[in-house]
Amino acid sequence: MSPWLTLAEAARRIRRWVESGDLTPFAGRFRAADILATEKKMRARRGRPRKTANRESP
């Protein structure tokens, strides 16, 4: 598996980050530091189950 993304994969990933509110464009562009910080945050979250607000505790 290659550590590099294709252009389509990168565009899809950035689009998802914008839709979820994790990344905000600045004058129609993205700052490289913001992209790297968002990627680092998303990598830390990967593989963890989502918490639901209406879930009862045992």
C-alpha atoms as a PDB file:
ATOM      1  CA  MET A   1       0.000   0.000   0.000  1.00  0.00           C
ATOM      2  CA  SER A   2       1.389   3.346  -1.021  1.00  0.00           C
ATOM      3  CA  PRO A   3       1.584   6.135   1.582  1.00  0.00           C
ATOM      4  CA  TRP A   4       0.781   8.642  -1.180  1.00  0.00           C
ATOM      5  CA  LEU A   5      -2.739   9.603  -2.200  1.00  0.00           C
ATOM      6  CA  THR A   6      -3.928  10.045  -5.737  1.00  0.00           C
ATOM      7  CA  LEU A   7      -5.294  13.468  -6.653  1.00  0.00           C
ATOM      8  CA  ALA A   8      -8.871  12.149  -6.510  1.00  0.00           C
ATOM      9  CA  GLU A   9      -8.321  10.579  -3.068  1.00  0.00           C
ATOM     10  CA  ALA A  10      -6.794  13.775  -1.699  1.00  0.00           C
ATOM     11  CA  ALA A  11      -9.646  15.887  -3.073  1.00  0.00           C
ATOM     12  CA  ARG A  12     -12.226  13.521  -1.563  1.00  0.00           C
ATOM     13  CA  ARG A  13     -10.497  13.576   1.807  1.00  0.00           C
ATOM     14  CA  ILE A  14     -10.265  17.386   1.895  1.00  0.00           C
ATOM     15  CA  ARG A  15     -13.905  17.687   0.785  1.00  0.00           C
ATOM     16  CA  ARG A  16     -14.971  15.439   3.693  1.00  0.00           C
ATOM     17  CA  TRP A  17     -12.945  17.513   6.164  1.00  0.00           C
ATOM     18  CA  VAL A  18     -14.603  20.703   4.903  1.00  0.00           C
ATOM     19  CA  GLU A  19     -18.088  19.138   5.105  1.00  0.00           C
ATOM     20  CA  SER A  20     -17.463  17.967   8.679  1.00  0.00           C
ATOM     21  CA  GLY A  21     -16.151  21.402   9.683  1.00  0.00           C
ATOM     22  CA  ASP A  22     -12.624  20.214  10.496  1.00  0.00           C
ATOM     23  CA  LEU A  23     -11.024  22.310   7.745  1.00  0.00           C
ATOM     24  CA  THR A  24     -11.969  25.823   6.622  1.00  0.00           C
ATOM     25  CA  PRO A  25     -10.906  27.396   3.325  1.00  0.00           C
ATOM     26  CA  PHE A  26      -9.244  30.795   3.433  1.00  0.00           C
ATOM     27  CA  ALA A  27     -10.006  32.927   0.370  1.00  0.00           C
ATOM     28  CA  GLY A  28     -10.945  29.766  -1.534  1.00  0.00           C
ATOM     29  CA  ARG A  29      -7.686  27.989  -0.654  1.00  0.00           C
ATOM     30  CA  PHE A  30      -6.304  25.935   2.190  1.00  0.00           C
ATOM     31  CA  ARG A  31      -3.222  26.671   4.246  1.00  0.00           C
ATOM     32  CA  ALA A  32      -0.699  23.818   4.202  1.00  0.00           C
ATOM     33  CA  ALA A  33      -0.301  24.013   7.990  1.00  0.00           C
ATOM     34  CA  ASP A  34      -4.081  23.642   8.440  1.00  0.00           C
ATOM     35  CA  ILE A  35      -4.175  20.597   6.155  1.00  0.00           C
ATOM     36  CA  LEU A  36      -1.288  18.938   7.997  1.00  0.00           C
ATOM     37  CA  ALA A  37      -2.830  19.679  11.402  1.00  0.00           C
ATOM     38  CA  THR A  38      -6.200  18.279  10.297  1.00  0.00           C
ATOM     39  CA  GLU A  39      -4.572  15.148   8.889  1.00  0.00           C
ATOM     40  CA  LYS A  40      -2.691  14.604  12.158  1.00  0.00           C
ATOM     41  CA  LYS A  41      -5.926  15.001  14.126  1.00  0.00           C
ATOM     42  CA  MET A  42      -7.783  12.584  11.841  1.00  0.00           C
ATOM     43  CA  ARG A  43      -5.028   9.963  12.036  1.00  0.00           C
ATOM     44  CA  ALA A  44      -5.275  10.054  15.832  1.00  0.00           C
ATOM     45  CA  ARG A  45      -9.044   9.462  15.610  1.00  0.00           C
ATOM     46  CA  ARG A  46      -8.856   6.596  13.107  1.00  0.00           C
ATOM     47  CA  GLY A  47     -10.222   3.240  14.210  1.00  0.00           C
ATOM     48  CA  ARG A  48     -12.039   4.450  17.300  1.00  0.00           C
ATOM     49  CA  PRO A  49     -15.771   3.764  17.594  1.00  0.00           C
ATOM     50  CA  ARG A  50     -18.146   6.673  17.533  1.00  0.00           C
ATOM     51  CA  LYS A  51     -19.867   7.651  20.752  1.00  0.00           C
ATOM     52  CA  THR A  52     -23.602   8.153  20.592  1.00  0.00           C
ATOM     53  CA  ALA A  53     -25.320  10.638  22.881  1.00  0.00           C
ATOM     54  CA  ASN A  54     -28.391   8.463  23.511  1.00  0.00           C
ATOM     55  CA  ARG A  55     -26.473   5.298  24.378  1.00  0.00           C
ATOM     56  CA  GLU A  56     -27.268   3.862  27.811  1.00  0.00           C
ATOM     57  CA  SER A  57     -24.369   2.874  30.025  1.00  0.00           C
ATOM     58  CA  PRO A  58     -24.455  -0.670  31.510  1.00  0.00           C
END
